[in-house]
């Protein structure tokens, strides 16, 4: 059981790293916010596997719900694509 949890954490950590890279390199800001939410979801899964449910209960609404909602509102008020 312990090996399974560690393997799952390693896979989720790689997914989180990939989502972070994609969020940084993406020129479409809305897509970058979605990648950032995916990365936050991966962190929430890792916190859950580390047996920290109290952190997960706070982290999911804030990092997966509130931050992306605020960023989407801000993107609507500016340009969607990063210039350069």
Protein backbone atom coordinates (compact mmCIF):
# COMPACT_ATOMS: atom_id res chain seq x y z
CA UNK A 1 0.00 0.00 0.00
CA UNK A 2 2.78 2.39 0.86
CA UNK A 3 4.58 1.75 -2.43
CA UNK A 4 1.38 2.45 -4.33
CA UNK A 5 0.91 5.79 -2.56
CA UNK A 6 4.51 6.81 -3.24
CA UNK A 7 4.21 5.83 -6.90
CA UNK A 8 0.98 7.79 -7.24
CA UNK A 9 2.58 10.82 -5.59
CA UNK A 10 5.52 10.63 -8.02
CA UNK A 11 3.18 10.48 -11.02
CA UNK A 12 1.08 13.38 -9.72
CA UNK A 13 4.24 15.39 -9.00
CA UNK A 14 5.39 14.89 -12.61
CA UNK A 15 1.95 15.96 -13.82
CA UNK A 16 2.20 19.03 -11.61
CA UNK A 17 5.61 19.89 -13.03
CA UNK A 18 4.30 19.51 -16.58
CA UNK A 19 1.25 21.68 -15.84
CA UNK A 20 3.50 24.35 -14.30
CA UNK A 21 5.74 24.37 -17.37
CA UNK A 22 2.74 24.61 -19.69
CA UNK A 23 1.24 27.45 -17.63
CA UNK A 24 4.47 29.43 -17.83
CA UNK A 25 5.02 28.95 -21.56
CA UNK A 26 1.39 29.39 -22.70
CA UNK A 27 0.63 32.63 -24.55
CA UNK A 28 -3.15 32.31 -24.10
CA UNK A 29 -3.71 33.55 -20.56
CA UNK A 30 -7.01 31.71 -20.12
CA UNK A 31 -5.35 28.39 -20.97
CA UNK A 32 -2.52 29.27 -18.57
CA UNK A 33 -5.06 29.72 -15.77
CA UNK A 34 -6.51 26.28 -16.56
CA UNK A 35 -3.03 24.73 -16.40
CA UNK A 36 -2.44 26.50 -13.10
CA UNK A 37 -5.69 25.05 -11.72
CA UNK A 38 -4.56 21.61 -12.90
CA UNK A 39 -1.28 22.08 -11.06
CA UNK A 40 -3.17 23.11 -7.92
CA UNK A 41 -5.35 20.01 -8.21
CA UNK A 42 -2.22 17.87 -8.39
CA UNK A 43 -0.92 19.50 -5.21
CA UNK A 44 -4.25 18.83 -3.50
CA UNK A 45 -3.97 15.14 -4.41
CA UNK A 46 -0.44 15.04 -2.99
CA UNK A 47 -1.61 16.71 0.23
CA UNK A 48 -4.40 14.15 0.51
CA UNK A 49 -1.97 11.26 0.01
CA UNK A 50 0.26 12.77 2.69
CA UNK A 51 -2.76 12.51 5.02
CA UNK A 52 -3.35 16.24 5.42
CA UNK A 53 -7.12 16.49 4.80
CA UNK A 54 -7.44 19.79 6.67
CA UNK A 55 -5.04 21.44 4.23
CA UNK A 56 -6.88 19.88 1.28
CA UNK A 57 -10.23 21.24 2.49
CA UNK A 58 -8.82 24.77 2.45
CA UNK A 59 -6.53 24.41 -0.58
CA UNK A 60 -9.12 23.14 -3.07
CA UNK A 61 -11.64 26.02 -2.78
CA UNK A 62 -8.93 28.67 -2.75
CA UNK A 63 -6.37 27.38 -5.28
CA UNK A 64 -8.76 25.58 -7.64
CA UNK A 65 -11.82 27.82 -7.31
CA UNK A 66 -11.11 31.32 -6.06
CA UNK A 67 -7.77 32.15 -7.72
CA UNK A 68 -8.78 31.01 -11.21
CA UNK A 69 -12.08 32.90 -10.91
CA UNK A 70 -10.26 36.11 -9.99
CA UNK A 71 -7.73 35.63 -12.80
CA UNK A 72 -10.49 34.98 -15.34
CA UNK A 73 -12.22 38.22 -14.32
CA UNK A 74 -8.92 40.07 -14.66
CA UNK A 75 -8.24 38.51 -18.06
CA UNK A 76 -11.70 39.61 -19.24
CA UNK A 77 -10.77 43.19 -18.32
CA UNK A 78 -7.51 43.01 -20.28
CA UNK A 79 -6.27 41.14 -23.34
CA UNK A 80 -6.52 37.39 -23.47
CA UNK A 81 -3.28 36.78 -25.33
CA UNK A 82 0.12 37.79 -24.07
CA UNK A 83 1.84 40.23 -26.40
CA UNK A 84 5.39 39.75 -27.48
